[in-house]
Protein backbone atom coordinates (compact mmCIF):
# COMPACT_ATOMS: atom_id res chain seq x y z
CA VAL A 1 0.00 0.00 0.00
CA ASP A 2 1.49 3.34 -1.09
CA ALA A 3 -0.01 5.28 1.82
CA PRO A 4 0.53 8.86 3.03
CA GLU A 5 3.12 9.42 5.74
CA ARG A 6 0.50 9.55 8.49
CA TYR A 7 -0.37 5.94 7.60
CA SER A 8 3.22 4.76 7.25
CA ASP A 9 2.46 1.52 9.07
CA LEU A 10 -0.58 0.72 6.92
CA THR A 11 -0.46 -2.57 5.05
CA GLY A 12 -2.82 -4.39 2.75
CA GLU A 13 -3.59 -6.84 5.56
CA LYS A 14 -4.71 -4.01 7.82
CA LEU A 15 -7.01 -2.66 5.13
CA ILE A 16 -8.93 -5.93 4.95
CA GLU A 17 -8.61 -6.87 8.63
CA ASP A 18 -12.37 -6.66 9.23
CA PHE A 19 -13.05 -8.87 6.22
CA LYS A 20 -10.60 -11.70 6.93
CA GLY A 21 -12.10 -15.15 6.76
CA LYS A 22 -14.83 -14.10 4.35
CA SER A 23 -15.07 -15.45 0.84
CA ILE A 24 -14.17 -12.90 -1.83
CA PHE A 25 -17.15 -14.26 -3.77
CA PHE A 26 -19.44 -12.53 -1.26
CA LEU A 27 -17.26 -9.58 -0.32
CA SER A 28 -19.01 -6.25 -0.81
CA GLY A 29 -16.66 -3.91 -2.67
CA LYS A 30 -18.78 -0.90 -1.70
CA LYS A 31 -18.62 -1.82 2.00
CA LEU A 32 -14.87 -2.34 1.86
CA ILE A 33 -14.36 1.02 0.16
CA SER A 34 -16.69 2.82 2.58
CA GLN A 35 -15.08 1.30 5.65
CA THR A 36 -11.53 1.88 4.42
CA GLU A 37 -12.18 5.54 3.62
CA SER A 38 -13.93 6.02 6.96
CA ASN A 39 -11.02 4.49 8.89
CA TYR A 40 -8.35 6.27 6.83
CA PRO A 41 -9.81 9.60 5.63
CA TYR A 42 -6.70 10.64 3.70
CA ILE A 43 -7.02 7.56 1.48
CA LYS A 44 -9.30 7.34 -1.54
CA VAL A 45 -9.99 3.86 -2.85
CA GLN A 46 -10.01 3.96 -6.64
CA GLY A 47 -11.07 0.38 -7.11
CA VAL A 48 -11.08 -3.20 -5.87
CA ASN A 49 -10.14 -6.14 -8.07
CA ARG A 50 -10.87 -9.76 -7.10
CA LEU A 51 -8.13 -12.21 -8.05
CA PHE A 52 -9.57 -15.67 -7.56
CA PRO A 53 -9.33 -17.79 -5.60
CA ASN A 54 -8.33 -15.69 -2.58
CA PHE A 55 -6.57 -12.44 -3.48
CA LEU A 56 -7.67 -8.82 -3.63
CA GLU A 57 -6.08 -5.82 -5.32
CA ILE A 58 -6.98 -2.50 -3.73
CA PHE A 59 -6.02 0.62 -5.65
CA VAL A 60 -5.67 3.76 -3.54
CA THR A 61 -4.61 7.38 -3.93
CA VAL A 62 -3.99 10.11 -1.37
CA ARG A 63 -6.53 12.84 -0.75
CA GLU A 64 -5.03 16.35 -0.67
CA PRO A 65 -6.50 19.05 1.62
CA VAL A 66 -7.64 22.12 -0.34
CA SER A 67 -10.13 24.02 1.84
CA VAL A 68 -11.67 24.35 5.30
CA ILE A 69 -15.25 24.77 6.49
CA SER A 70 -16.39 25.75 9.98
CA HIS A 71 -19.48 24.58 11.81
CA ASN A 72 -20.38 25.39 15.43
CA GLY A 73 -16.81 26.34 16.30
CA ILE A 74 -15.22 23.25 14.74
CA TYR A 75 -13.00 23.56 11.66
CA TYR A 76 -13.05 20.75 9.12
CA LEU A 77 -10.30 20.17 6.57
CA LEU A 78 -11.63 19.11 3.14
CA ASP A 79 -10.30 17.69 -0.09
CA SER A 80 -11.47 18.82 -3.55
CA GLU A 81 -14.52 16.54 -3.34
CA ASN A 82 -15.60 18.00 0.03
CA TYR A 83 -14.51 14.83 1.78
CA VAL A 84 -13.78 15.57 5.46
CA LEU A 85 -10.19 14.71 6.36
CA GLU A 86 -9.74 16.11 9.88
CA ALA A 87 -11.48 18.25 12.50
CA PHE A 88 -9.88 20.94 14.67
CA ASN A 89 -11.02 22.99 17.66
CA GLN A 90 -8.91 25.96 16.55
CA PRO A 91 -9.21 28.05 13.36
CA VAL A 92 -7.38 26.64 10.34
CA THR A 93 -6.05 29.52 8.26
CA GLU A 94 -3.64 27.72 5.93
CA PHE A 95 -6.36 26.85 3.42
CA PRO A 96 -9.12 28.75 1.58
CA ALA A 97 -12.37 29.01 3.54
CA LEU A 98 -15.43 27.29 2.10
CA ASN A 99 -18.25 29.52 3.30
CA PHE A 100 -21.09 27.05 2.76
CA SER A 101 -21.92 26.41 6.43
CA SER A 102 -25.47 27.76 6.31
CA TYR A 103 -26.34 25.14 3.68
CA LEU A 104 -25.01 22.14 5.62
CA ASN A 105 -27.43 19.41 6.57
CA GLY A 106 -25.99 18.80 10.02
CA ALA A 107 -22.44 18.72 11.34
CA PRO A 108 -19.69 17.36 9.05
CA SER A 109 -18.26 13.96 9.90
CA VAL A 110 -14.63 12.95 9.45
CA GLY A 111 -14.34 10.21 6.85
CA ARG A 112 -17.46 11.27 4.98
CA ARG A 113 -18.40 13.79 2.32
CA LEU A 114 -20.19 16.99 3.29
CA GLU A 115 -23.96 16.69 3.26
CA PHE A 116 -26.02 19.69 2.22
CA LYS A 117 -29.68 20.56 2.55
CA PRO A 118 -31.91 19.17 -0.25
CA GLU A 119 -32.06 22.50 -2.07
CA ALA A 120 -28.26 22.82 -2.05
CA THR A 121 -26.94 19.34 -2.85
CA TRP A 122 -25.36 20.81 -5.99
CA LEU A 123 -22.74 22.55 -3.83
CA ASN A 124 -20.56 19.43 -3.74
CA GLU A 125 -20.34 19.48 -7.52
CA VAL A 126 -19.67 23.23 -7.47
CA SER A 127 -16.70 22.74 -5.14
CA GLU A 128 -15.27 19.99 -7.31
CA VAL A 129 -15.55 22.11 -10.45
CA VAL A 130 -13.96 25.16 -8.79
CA PHE A 131 -10.88 23.35 -7.53
CA ARG A 132 -10.53 21.13 -10.61
CA THR A 133 -10.71 24.14 -12.93
CA LEU A 134 -8.10 26.09 -10.95
CA TRP A 135 -5.90 22.99 -10.88
CA GLN A 136 -6.23 22.60 -14.65
CA GLY A 137 -5.29 26.27 -14.93
CA GLY A 138 -1.87 25.46 -13.52
CA PHE A 139 -2.39 25.72 -9.77
CA ASP A 140 -1.46 22.59 -7.89
CA PHE A 141 -3.63 21.92 -4.84
CA VAL A 142 -0.71 22.77 -2.54
CA GLU A 143 -0.48 26.19 -4.25
CA LEU A 144 -4.15 27.10 -3.95
CA PRO A 145 -3.79 28.76 -0.51
CA ASP A 146 -1.44 31.28 -2.15
CA LEU A 147 -4.12 32.12 -4.72
CA LEU A 148 -7.51 31.76 -3.10
CA ASP A 149 -8.81 33.22 0.16
CA SER A 150 -12.39 31.93 0.20
CA VAL A 151 -15.29 30.48 -1.76
CA SER A 152 -18.77 31.72 -0.87
CA VAL A 153 -22.30 31.27 -2.14
CA GLN A 154 -25.29 33.56 -1.78
CA ALA A 155 -28.94 32.88 -2.58
CA MET A 156 -30.41 35.63 -4.76
CA PRO A 157 -34.15 36.05 -5.51
CA ASP A 158 -33.99 34.11 -8.78
CA TYR A 159 -30.57 32.43 -8.73
CA TYR A 160 -27.43 31.71 -6.70
CA CYS A 161 -24.21 33.70 -6.83
CA LEU A 162 -20.79 32.17 -6.27
CA SER A 163 -17.85 34.34 -5.18
CA LEU A 164 -14.18 33.44 -5.36
CA ALA A 165 -12.14 35.86 -3.25
CA PHE A 166 -8.47 35.96 -4.20
CA ASN A 167 -5.64 36.83 -1.83
CA THR A 168 -4.89 39.90 -3.94
CA GLY A 169 -8.23 41.38 -2.87
CA ALA A 170 -10.04 40.89 -6.18
CA VAL A 171 -13.30 38.92 -6.34
CA LEU A 172 -14.65 36.73 -9.11
CA LYS A 173 -18.46 36.79 -8.92
CA ILE A 174 -20.31 34.12 -10.89
CA ASN A 175 -24.04 34.36 -11.37
CA ASP A 176 -26.00 31.10 -11.54
CA PRO A 177 -23.05 28.73 -10.88
CA VAL A 178 -25.34 25.71 -11.27
CA SER A 179 -25.10 26.13 -15.04
CA ASP A 180 -21.92 25.84 -17.12
CA LEU A 181 -19.67 26.71 -14.18
CA GLN A 182 -16.36 25.63 -15.71
CA ARG A 183 -16.78 27.92 -18.72
CA LYS A 184 -17.72 30.79 -16.43
CA ILE A 185 -14.65 30.30 -14.26
CA HIS A 186 -12.45 30.18 -17.36
CA ALA A 187 -14.03 33.41 -18.63
CA GLY A 188 -13.55 35.20 -15.32
CA TRP A 189 -10.03 33.86 -14.86
CA SER A 190 -8.97 35.08 -18.30
CA VAL A 191 -9.98 38.59 -17.22
CA TYR A 192 -8.34 38.30 -13.80
CA ALA A 193 -5.04 37.07 -15.27
CA SER A 194 -5.07 39.36 -18.31
CA ASP A 195 -1.75 40.97 -19.28
CA GLU A 196 -3.57 43.94 -20.81
CA LYS A 197 -4.89 45.35 -17.54
CA ASP A 198 -4.31 44.70 -13.86
CA ASN A 199 -7.58 43.23 -12.61
CA THR A 200 -6.06 41.57 -9.57
CA HIS A 201 -5.94 44.44 -7.09
CA PHE A 202 -8.14 45.01 -4.04
CA GLY A 203 -11.58 46.41 -4.84
CA THR A 204 -11.87 44.76 -8.25
CA THR A 205 -14.95 42.63 -8.90
CA ILE A 206 -15.19 40.53 -12.05
CA GLU A 207 -18.81 39.55 -12.63
CA VAL A 208 -19.59 36.65 -14.94
CA SER A 209 -23.08 35.99 -16.32
CA GLU A 210 -24.71 33.95 -19.06
CA LYS A 211 -27.65 34.82 -21.28
CA ASP A 212 -28.90 32.85 -24.27
CA GLY A 213 -25.78 30.67 -24.16
CA LYS A 214 -23.39 33.64 -24.28
CA ILE A 215 -21.05 34.30 -21.34
CA THR A 216 -20.23 37.91 -20.52
CA THR A 217 -17.83 39.51 -18.05
CA VAL A 218 -18.03 42.94 -16.43
CA VAL A 219 -15.22 44.51 -14.40
CA ASN A 220 -16.01 46.90 -11.57
CA ALA A 221 -13.04 48.53 -9.87
CA ASP A 222 -12.84 51.00 -7.00
């Protein structure tokens, strides 16, 4: 098992300890994955392969922390899929803040993905798209804290608004992030990172909207 340093003593035998003695014919892959990820939150099981008669291959990767969310005074470290890695009693300031707490459906649980209220279940997908798009734009997950300060969402009368606050002080405001979010982030990022004009300084808001399939950007600067 190629495990993260915190699990340096983890072996394949330990991963399947609770399933020893059971026939692999009847072994539940979903249960094994769920239990493994619950016991070892920094591990993501990519797949399980049965090698008859009595062998298992378990493919794992390491989850990287990218953000933090607070709930009732507890701070939860999250990966890019909003999977809860650790909980702390003190503020965690090394990672961008995910300001989605008011939409949570109860307290987060280490070893599980965030659960949101029925009307906001789409927020898990939004988080994934945000961090994946920034990563594809050349920012490794370990570099994101140097770029991003927080991610927030606000319910408007007819739609939601997503805000990405950068450490430079500029804000990327995306209207209706439920629809075509990746394209909207790309459009806003191209304005933020433009060589033609400095749109990164404090007080700059880059607003991205879509109408009739066309994405538009508007820059407001103090």
